[in-house]
Amino acid sequence: MLPVIYGFLRAYAPYVTLPFAAVVGFIGYNLENILSDNYTPYHKSIEEQRKERLLSEEKLQSAENVEKLKYKANVLGTNLSPSLSS
């Protein structure tokens, strides 16, 4: 009788193990929720924090105080070799 049961379990292993695994997973998930006291507080996303910071800057408060856009660095002079610098 035992070899017949083993043969049945071998042939239908996915059908036997899937409900068993689902029950064990369900019990473990709920047990972990009951026993653990982990709480993750809400934090604003980095994008929201950046938007708020940009809106709170003094330069952006009035549209009249806009600096003129001017490129201040010379691209060709940044990595100039010593022989070409003079």
PDB file of N, CA and C in Angstrom:
ATOM      1  N   MET A   1       0.815  -1.199   0.000  1.00  0.00           N
ATOM      2  CA  MET A   1       0.000   0.000   0.000  1.00  0.00           C
ATOM      3  C   MET A   1       0.861   1.266   0.000  1.00  0.00           C
ATOM      4  N   LEU A   2       1.977   1.218   0.722  1.00  0.00           N
ATOM      5  CA  LEU A   2       2.870   2.363   0.790  1.00  0.00           C
ATOM      6  C   LEU A   2       3.501   2.689  -0.563  1.00  0.00           C
ATOM      7  N   PRO A   3       3.935   1.721  -1.351  1.00  0.00           N
ATOM      8  CA  PRO A   3       4.474   2.056  -2.677  1.00  0.00           C
ATOM      9  C   PRO A   3       3.429   2.689  -3.602  1.00  0.00           C
ATOM     10  N   VAL A   4       2.184   2.358  -3.430  1.00  0.00           N
ATOM     11  CA  VAL A   4       1.131   2.963  -4.250  1.00  0.00           C
ATOM     12  C   VAL A   4       0.977   4.446  -3.889  1.00  0.00           C
ATOM     13  N   ILE A   5       1.045   4.748  -2.599  1.00  0.00           N
ATOM     14  CA  ILE A   5       0.943   6.146  -2.144  1.00  0.00           C
ATOM     15  C   ILE A   5       2.136   6.949  -2.647  1.00  0.00           C
ATOM     16  N   TYR A   6       3.356   6.362  -2.556  1.00  0.00           N
ATOM     17  CA  TYR A   6       4.548   7.043  -3.061  1.00  0.00           C
ATOM     18  C   TYR A   6       4.472   7.278  -4.567  1.00  0.00           C
ATOM     19  N   GLY A   7       3.957   6.320  -5.280  1.00  0.00           N
ATOM     20  CA  GLY A   7       3.801   6.483  -6.724  1.00  0.00           C
ATOM     21  C   GLY A   7       2.822   7.592  -7.066  1.00  0.00           C
ATOM     22  N   PHE A   8       1.726   7.643  -6.303  1.00  0.00           N
ATOM     23  CA  PHE A   8       0.742   8.703  -6.507  1.00  0.00           C
ATOM     24  C   PHE A   8       1.349  10.076  -6.206  1.00  0.00           C
ATOM     25  N   LEU A   9       2.084  10.179  -5.107  1.00  0.00           N
ATOM     26  CA  LEU A   9       2.709  11.454  -4.736  1.00  0.00           C
ATOM     27  C   LEU A   9       3.774  11.871  -5.748  1.00  0.00           C
ATOM     28  N   ARG A  10       4.508  10.888  -6.304  1.00  0.00           N
ATOM     29  CA  ARG A  10       5.526  11.204  -7.287  1.00  0.00           C
ATOM     30  C   ARG A  10       4.890  11.691  -8.588  1.00  0.00           C
ATOM     31  N   ALA A  11       3.806  11.099  -8.967  1.00  0.00           N
ATOM     32  CA  ALA A  11       3.153  11.469 -10.216  1.00  0.00           C
ATOM     33  C   ALA A  11       2.433  12.807 -10.103  1.00  0.00           C
ATOM     34  N   TYR A  12       1.850  13.071  -8.962  1.00  0.00           N
ATOM     35  CA  TYR A  12       1.055  14.293  -8.772  1.00  0.00           C
ATOM     36  C   TYR A  12       1.686  15.233  -7.746  1.00  0.00           C
ATOM     37  N   ALA A  13       3.018  15.348  -7.759  1.00  0.00           N
ATOM     38  CA  ALA A  13       3.737  16.174  -6.788  1.00  0.00           C
ATOM     39  C   ALA A  13       3.330  17.648  -6.847  1.00  0.00           C
ATOM     40  N   PRO A  14       3.207  18.273  -8.026  1.00  0.00           N
ATOM     41  CA  PRO A  14       2.811  19.684  -8.036  1.00  0.00           C
ATOM     42  C   PRO A  14       1.419  19.914  -7.449  1.00  0.00           C
ATOM     43  N   TYR A  15       0.526  18.992  -7.692  1.00  0.00           N
ATOM     44  CA  TYR A  15      -0.843  19.150  -7.188  1.00  0.00           C
ATOM     45  C   TYR A  15      -0.919  18.943  -5.685  1.00  0.00           C
ATOM     46  N   VAL A  16       0.028  18.208  -5.131  1.00  0.00           N
ATOM     47  CA  VAL A  16       0.036  17.964  -3.688  1.00  0.00           C
ATOM     48  C   VAL A  16       0.791  19.081  -2.963  1.00  0.00           C
ATOM     49  N   THR A  17       1.915  19.512  -3.516  1.00  0.00           N
ATOM     50  CA  THR A  17       2.748  20.483  -2.810  1.00  0.00           C
ATOM     51  C   THR A  17       2.232  21.909  -2.924  1.00  0.00           C
ATOM     52  N   LEU A  18       1.543  22.265  -4.003  1.00  0.00           N
ATOM     53  CA  LEU A  18       1.073  23.645  -4.155  1.00  0.00           C
ATOM     54  C   LEU A  18       0.080  24.040  -3.061  1.00  0.00           C
ATOM     55  N   PRO A  19      -0.951  23.263  -2.781  1.00  0.00           N
ATOM     56  CA  PRO A  19      -1.855  23.665  -1.678  1.00  0.00           C
ATOM     57  C   PRO A  19      -1.146  23.682  -0.318  1.00  0.00           C
ATOM     58  N   PHE A  20      -0.242  22.735  -0.112  1.00  0.00           N
ATOM     59  CA  PHE A  20       0.498  22.702   1.151  1.00  0.00           C
ATOM     60  C   PHE A  20       1.360  23.952   1.290  1.00  0.00           C
ATOM     61  N   ALA A  21       2.065  24.332   0.243  1.00  0.00           N
ATOM     62  CA  ALA A  21       2.904  25.522   0.289  1.00  0.00           C
ATOM     63  C   ALA A  21       2.062  26.783   0.453  1.00  0.00           C
ATOM     64  N   ALA A  22       0.893  26.834  -0.164  1.00  0.00           N
ATOM     65  CA  ALA A  22       0.021  27.999  -0.028  1.00  0.00           C
ATOM     66  C   ALA A  22      -0.462  28.151   1.408  1.00  0.00           C
ATOM     67  N   VAL A  23      -0.831  27.048   2.037  1.00  0.00           N
ATOM     68  CA  VAL A  23      -1.310  27.102   3.430  1.00  0.00           C
ATOM     69  C   VAL A  23      -0.177  27.522   4.360  1.00  0.00           C
ATOM     70  N   VAL A  24       1.003  26.944   4.182  1.00  0.00           N
ATOM     71  CA  VAL A  24       2.141  27.303   5.033  1.00  0.00           C
ATOM     72  C   VAL A  24       2.516  28.775   4.827  1.00  0.00           C
ATOM     73  N   GLY A  25       2.499  29.253   3.581  1.00  0.00           N
ATOM     74  CA  GLY A  25       2.821  30.648   3.314  1.00  0.00           C
ATOM     75  C   GLY A  25       1.804  31.598   3.902  1.00  0.00           C
ATOM     76  N   PHE A  26       0.536  31.271   3.802  1.00  0.00           N
ATOM     77  CA  PHE A  26      -0.526  32.112   4.352  1.00  0.00           C
ATOM     78  C   PHE A  26      -0.407  32.211   5.867  1.00  0.00           C
ATOM     79  N   ILE A  27      -0.178  31.081   6.519  1.00  0.00           N
ATOM     80  CA  ILE A  27      -0.037  31.075   7.977  1.00  0.00           C
ATOM     81  C   ILE A  27       1.214  31.862   8.387  1.00  0.00           C
ATOM     82  N   GLY A  28       2.316  31.665   7.696  1.00  0.00           N
ATOM     83  CA  GLY A  28       3.546  32.368   8.038  1.00  0.00           C
ATOM     84  C   GLY A  28       3.435  33.873   7.825  1.00  0.00           C
ATOM     85  N   TYR A  29       2.778  34.280   6.743  1.00  0.00           N
ATOM     86  CA  TYR A  29       2.607  35.712   6.454  1.00  0.00           C
ATOM     87  C   TYR A  29       1.783  36.375   7.552  1.00  0.00           C
ATOM     88  N   ASN A  30       0.680  35.777   7.931  1.00  0.00           N
ATOM     89  CA  ASN A  30      -0.171  36.363   8.969  1.00  0.00           C
ATOM     90  C   ASN A  30       0.492  36.303  10.338  1.00  0.00           C
ATOM     91  N   LEU A  31       1.226  35.251  10.612  1.00  0.00           N
ATOM     92  CA  LEU A  31       1.933  35.153  11.890  1.00  0.00           C
ATOM     93  C   LEU A  31       3.009  36.230  11.991  1.00  0.00           C
ATOM     94  N   GLU A  32       3.705  36.487  10.894  1.00  0.00           N
ATOM     95  CA  GLU A  32       4.728  37.533  10.899  1.00  0.00           C
ATOM     96  C   GLU A  32       4.099  38.909  11.106  1.00  0.00           C
ATOM     97  N   ASN A  33       2.960  39.169  10.501  1.00  0.00           N
ATOM     98  CA  ASN A  33       2.280  40.451  10.703  1.00  0.00           C
ATOM     99  C   ASN A  33       1.825  40.630  12.144  1.00  0.00           C
ATOM    100  N   ILE A  34       1.422  39.561  12.771  1.00  0.00           N
ATOM    101  CA  ILE A  34       0.959  39.641  14.163  1.00  0.00           C
ATOM    102  C   ILE A  34       2.135  39.861  15.116  1.00  0.00           C
ATOM    103  N   LEU A  35       3.233  39.146  14.902  1.00  0.00           N
ATOM    104  CA  LEU A  35       4.346  39.179  15.844  1.00  0.00           C
ATOM    105  C   LEU A  35       5.285  40.362  15.649  1.00  0.00           C
ATOM    106  N   SER A  36       5.430  40.864  14.438  1.00  0.00           N
ATOM    107  CA  SER A  36       6.391  41.942  14.231  1.00  0.00           C
ATOM    108  C   SER A  36       5.737  43.289  14.474  1.00  0.00           C
ATOM    109  N   ASP A  37       6.552  44.242  14.930  1.00  0.00           N
ATOM    110  CA  ASP A  37       6.049  45.581  15.197  1.00  0.00           C
ATOM    111  C   ASP A  37       6.720  46.592  14.280  1.00  0.00           C
ATOM    112  N   ASN A  38       7.111  46.148  13.099  1.00  0.00           N
ATOM    113  CA  ASN A  38       7.762  47.045  12.147  1.00  0.00           C
ATOM    114  C   ASN A  38       6.749  48.033  11.598  1.00  0.00           C
ATOM    115  N   TYR A  39       7.112  49.294  11.648  1.00  0.00           N
ATOM    116  CA  TYR A  39       6.276  50.346  11.088  1.00  0.00           C
ATOM    117  C   TYR A  39       7.181  51.300  10.333  1.00  0.00           C
ATOM    118  N   THR A  40       6.900  51.505   9.080  1.00  0.00           N
ATOM    119  CA  THR A  40       7.691  52.406   8.260  1.00  0.00           C
ATOM    120  C   THR A  40       6.941  53.718   8.127  1.00  0.00           C
ATOM    121  N   PRO A  41       7.470  54.797   8.703  1.00  0.00           N
ATOM    122  CA  PRO A  41       6.774  56.077   8.595  1.00  0.00           C
ATOM    123  C   PRO A  41       6.844  56.617   7.174  1.00  0.00           C
ATOM    124  N   TYR A  42       5.905  57.465   6.854  1.00  0.00           N
ATOM    125  CA  TYR A  42       5.832  58.043   5.515  1.00  0.00           C
ATOM    126  C   TYR A  42       6.872  59.138   5.365  1.00  0.00           C
ATOM    127  N   HIS A  43       7.599  59.108   4.280  1.00  0.00           N
ATOM    128  CA  HIS A  43       8.544  60.157   3.920  1.00  0.00           C
ATOM    129  C   HIS A  43       8.190  60.633   2.522  1.00  0.00           C
ATOM    130  N   LYS A  44       8.333  61.926   2.309  1.00  0.00           N
ATOM    131  CA  LYS A  44       8.091  62.447   0.974  1.00  0.00           C
ATOM    132  C   LYS A  44       9.174  61.935   0.034  1.00  0.00           C
ATOM    133  N   SER A  45       8.820  61.792  -1.215  1.00  0.00           N
ATOM    134  CA  SER A  45       9.794  61.312  -2.183  1.00  0.00           C
ATOM    135  C   SER A  45      10.847  62.385  -2.431  1.00  0.00           C
ATOM    136  N   ILE A  46      11.959  61.972  -2.982  1.00  0.00           N
ATOM    137  CA  ILE A  46      13.054  62.902  -3.252  1.00  0.00           C
ATOM    138  C   ILE A  46      12.603  63.951  -4.257  1.00  0.00           C
ATOM    139  N   GLU A  47      11.791  63.542  -5.210  1.00  0.00           N
ATOM    140  CA  GLU A  47      11.300  64.491  -6.209  1.00  0.00           C
ATOM    141  C   GLU A  47      10.419  65.559  -5.561  1.00  0.00           C
ATOM    142  N   GLU A  48       9.548  65.149  -4.640  1.00  0.00           N
ATOM    143  CA  GLU A  48       8.704  66.124  -3.935  1.00  0.00           C
ATOM    144  C   GLU A  48       9.539  67.059  -3.068  1.00  0.00           C
ATOM    145  N   GLN A  49      10.548  66.530  -2.390  1.00  0.00           N
ATOM    146  CA  GLN A  49      11.421  67.366  -1.566  1.00  0.00           C
ATOM    147  C   GLN A  49      12.173  68.375  -2.425  1.00  0.00           C
ATOM    148  N   ARG A  50      12.627  67.956  -3.593  1.00  0.00           N
ATOM    149  CA  ARG A  50      13.352  68.857  -4.487  1.00  0.00           C
ATOM    150  C   ARG A  50      12.441  69.966  -4.986  1.00  0.00           C
ATOM    151  N   LYS A  51      11.214  69.619  -5.351  1.00  0.00           N
ATOM    152  CA  LYS A  51      10.283  70.642  -5.834  1.00  0.00           C
ATOM    153  C   LYS A  51       9.990  71.669  -4.747  1.00  0.00           C
ATOM    154  N   GLU A  52       9.786  71.207  -3.525  1.00  0.00           N
ATOM    155  CA  GLU A  52       9.527  72.132  -2.424  1.00  0.00           C
ATOM    156  C   GLU A  52      10.740  73.021  -2.146  1.00  0.00           C
ATOM    157  N   ARG A  53      11.938  72.452  -2.208  1.00  0.00           N
ATOM    158  CA  ARG A  53      13.143  73.229  -1.972  1.00  0.00           C
ATOM    159  C   ARG A  53      13.325  74.278  -3.060  1.00  0.00           C
ATOM    160  N   LEU A  54      13.078  73.903  -4.301  1.00  0.00           N
ATOM    161  CA  LEU A  54      13.222  74.866  -5.393  1.00  0.00           C
ATOM    162  C   LEU A  54      12.186  75.980  -5.294  1.00  0.00           C
ATOM    163  N   LEU A  55      10.988  75.648  -4.862  1.00  0.00           N
ATOM    164  CA  LEU A  55       9.961  76.675  -4.727  1.00  0.00           C
ATOM    165  C   LEU A  55      10.218  77.600  -3.550  1.00  0.00           C
ATOM    166  N   SER A  56      10.940  77.122  -2.557  1.00  0.00           N
ATOM    167  CA  SER A  56      11.178  77.944  -1.379  1.00  0.00           C
ATOM    168  C   SER A  56      12.418  78.829  -1.512  1.00  0.00           C
ATOM    169  N   GLU A  57      13.201  78.657  -2.550  1.00  0.00           N
ATOM    170  CA  GLU A  57      14.385  79.489  -2.712  1.00  0.00           C
ATOM    171  C   GLU A  57      13.983  80.938  -2.978  1.00  0.00           C
ATOM    172  N   GLU A  58      14.788  81.836  -2.489  1.00  0.00           N
ATOM    173  CA  GLU A  58      14.479  83.256  -2.607  1.00  0.00           C
ATOM    174  C   GLU A  58      14.559  83.750  -4.050  1.00  0.00           C
ATOM    175  N   LYS A  59      15.431  83.163  -4.847  1.00  0.00           N
ATOM    176  CA  LYS A  59      15.586  83.612  -6.226  1.00  0.00           C
ATOM    177  C   LYS A  59      14.320  83.363  -7.039  1.00  0.00           C
ATOM    178  N   LEU A  60      13.576  82.365  -6.677  1.00  0.00           N
ATOM    179  CA  LEU A  60      12.406  82.016  -7.466  1.00  0.00           C
ATOM    180  C   LEU A  60      11.120  82.665  -6.959  1.00  0.00           C
ATOM    181  N   GLN A  61      11.214  83.460  -5.911  1.00  0.00           N
ATOM    182  CA  GLN A  61      10.011  84.062  -5.359  1.00  0.00           C
ATOM    183  C   GLN A  61       9.421  85.133  -6.284  1.00  0.00           C
ATOM    184  N   SER A  62      10.263  85.927  -6.914  1.00  0.00           N
ATOM    185  CA  SER A  62       9.747  86.952  -7.817  1.00  0.00           C
ATOM    186  C   SER A  62      10.360  86.764  -9.196  1.00  0.00           C
ATOM    187  N   ALA A  63       9.590  87.044 -10.206  1.00  0.00           N
ATOM    188  CA  ALA A  63      10.058  86.877 -11.575  1.00  0.00           C
ATOM    189  C   ALA A  63      10.923  88.052 -12.026  1.00  0.00           C
ATOM    190  N   GLU A  64      11.002  89.106 -11.242  1.00  0.00           N
ATOM    191  CA  GLU A  64      11.778  90.283 -11.626  1.00  0.00           C
ATOM    192  C   GLU A  64      13.266  90.120 -11.349  1.00  0.00           C
ATOM    193  N   ASN A  65      13.626  89.321 -10.377  1.00  0.00           N
ATOM    194  CA  ASN A  65      15.023  89.181  -9.971  1.00  0.00           C
ATOM    195  C   ASN A  65      15.678  87.960 -10.622  1.00  0.00           C
ATOM    196  N   VAL A  66      15.610  87.871 -11.913  1.00  0.00           N
ATOM    197  CA  VAL A  66      16.198  86.741 -12.620  1.00  0.00           C
ATOM    198  C   VAL A  66      17.583  87.133 -13.099  1.00  0.00           C
ATOM    199  N   GLU A  67      18.565  86.283 -12.803  1.00  0.00           N
ATOM    200  CA  GLU A  67      19.916  86.561 -13.240  1.00  0.00           C
ATOM    201  C   GLU A  67      20.037  86.299 -14.732  1.00  0.00           C
ATOM    202  N   LYS A  68      20.912  87.063 -15.372  1.00  0.00           N
ATOM    203  CA  LYS A  68      21.138  86.882 -16.789  1.00  0.00           C
ATOM    204  C   LYS A  68      21.937  85.599 -16.996  1.00  0.00           C
ATOM    205  N   LEU A  69      21.510  84.802 -17.936  1.00  0.00           N
ATOM    206  CA  LEU A  69      22.210  83.557 -18.207  1.00  0.00           C
ATOM    207  C   LEU A  69      23.456  83.857 -19.015  1.00  0.00           C
ATOM    208  N   LYS A  70      24.586  83.539 -18.439  1.00  0.00           N
ATOM    209  CA  LYS A  70      25.845  83.787 -19.109  1.00  0.00           C
ATOM    210  C   LYS A  70      26.791  82.651 -18.751  1.00  0.00           C
ATOM    211  N   TYR A  71      27.449  82.114 -19.768  1.00  0.00           N
ATOM    212  CA  TYR A  71      28.399  81.035 -19.523  1.00  0.00           C
ATOM    213  C   TYR A  71      29.676  81.630 -18.958  1.00  0.00           C
ATOM    214  N   LYS A  72      30.080  81.185 -17.775  1.00  0.00           N
ATOM    215  CA  LYS A  72      31.180  81.817 -17.055  1.00  0.00           C
ATOM    216  C   LYS A  72      32.518  81.111 -17.235  1.00  0.00           C
ATOM    217  N   ALA A  73      32.528  79.871 -17.664  1.00  0.00           N
ATOM    218  CA  ALA A  73      33.777  79.122 -17.785  1.00  0.00           C
ATOM    219  C   ALA A  73      34.138  78.946 -19.249  1.00  0.00           C
ATOM    220  N   ASN A  74      35.425  78.877 -19.506  1.00  0.00           N
ATOM    221  CA  ASN A  74      35.909  78.641 -20.847  1.00  0.00           C
ATOM    222  C   ASN A  74      36.156  77.149 -21.016  1.00  0.00           C
ATOM    223  N   VAL A  75      35.449  76.533 -21.904  1.00  0.00           N
ATOM    224  CA  VAL A  75      35.559  75.092 -22.082  1.00  0.00           C
ATOM    225  C   VAL A  75      36.937  74.714 -22.619  1.00  0.00           C
ATOM    226  N   LEU A  76      37.475  75.522 -23.508  1.00  0.00           N
ATOM    227  CA  LEU A  76      38.756  75.179 -24.111  1.00  0.00           C
ATOM    228  C   LEU A  76      39.923  75.356 -23.147  1.00  0.00           C
ATOM    229  N   GLY A  77      39.753  76.106 -22.079  1.00  0.00           N
ATOM    230  CA  GLY A  77      40.843  76.343 -21.152  1.00  0.00           C
ATOM    231  C   GLY A  77      40.862  75.399 -19.975  1.00  0.00           C
ATOM    232  N   THR A  78      39.956  74.499 -19.872  1.00  0.00           N
ATOM    233  CA  THR A  78      39.908  73.640 -18.688  1.00  0.00           C
ATOM    234  C   THR A  78      40.990  72.579 -18.705  1.00  0.00           C
ATOM    235  N   ASN A  79      41.220  71.919 -19.818  1.00  0.00           N
ATOM    236  CA  ASN A  79      42.234  70.858 -19.898  1.00  0.00           C
ATOM    237  C   ASN A  79      43.342  71.259 -20.872  1.00  0.00           C
ATOM    238  N   LEU A  80      43.863  72.442 -20.710  1.00  0.00           N
ATOM    239  CA  LEU A  80      44.892  72.931 -21.602  1.00  0.00           C
ATOM    240  C   LEU A  80      46.252  72.432 -21.147  1.00  0.00           C
ATOM    241  N   SER A  81      47.024  71.893 -22.075  1.00  0.00           N
ATOM    242  CA  SER A  81      48.338  71.371 -21.721  1.00  0.00           C
ATOM    243  C   SER A  81      49.279  72.535 -21.407  1.00  0.00           C
ATOM    244  N   PRO A  82      50.340  72.290 -20.621  1.00  0.00           N
ATOM    245  CA  PRO A  82      51.277  73.366 -20.250  1.00  0.00           C
ATOM    246  C   PRO A  82      51.974  74.003 -21.457  1.00  0.00           C
ATOM    247  N   SER A  83      52.218  73.217 -22.495  1.00  0.00           N
ATOM    248  CA  SER A  83      52.917  73.783 -23.657  1.00  0.00           C
ATOM    249  C   SER A  83      52.033  74.764 -24.426  1.00  0.00           C
ATOM    250  N   LEU A  84      50.706  74.590 -24.352  1.00  0.00           N
ATOM    251  CA  LEU A  84      49.800  75.488 -25.055  1.00  0.00           C
ATOM    252  C   LEU A  84      49.309  76.639 -24.196  1.00  0.00           C
ATOM    253  N   SER A  85      49.572  76.601 -22.904  1.00  0.00           N
ATOM    254  CA  SER A  85      49.049  77.626 -22.006  1.00  0.00           C
ATOM    255  C   SER A  85      49.744  78.972 -22.195  1.00  0.00           C
ATOM    256  N   SER A  86      50.982  78.996 -22.694  1.00  0.00           N
ATOM    257  CA  SER A  86      51.692  80.264 -22.845  1.00  0.00           C
ATOM    258  C   SER A  86      51.598  80.815 -24.258  1.00  0.00           C
TER     259      SER A  86
END
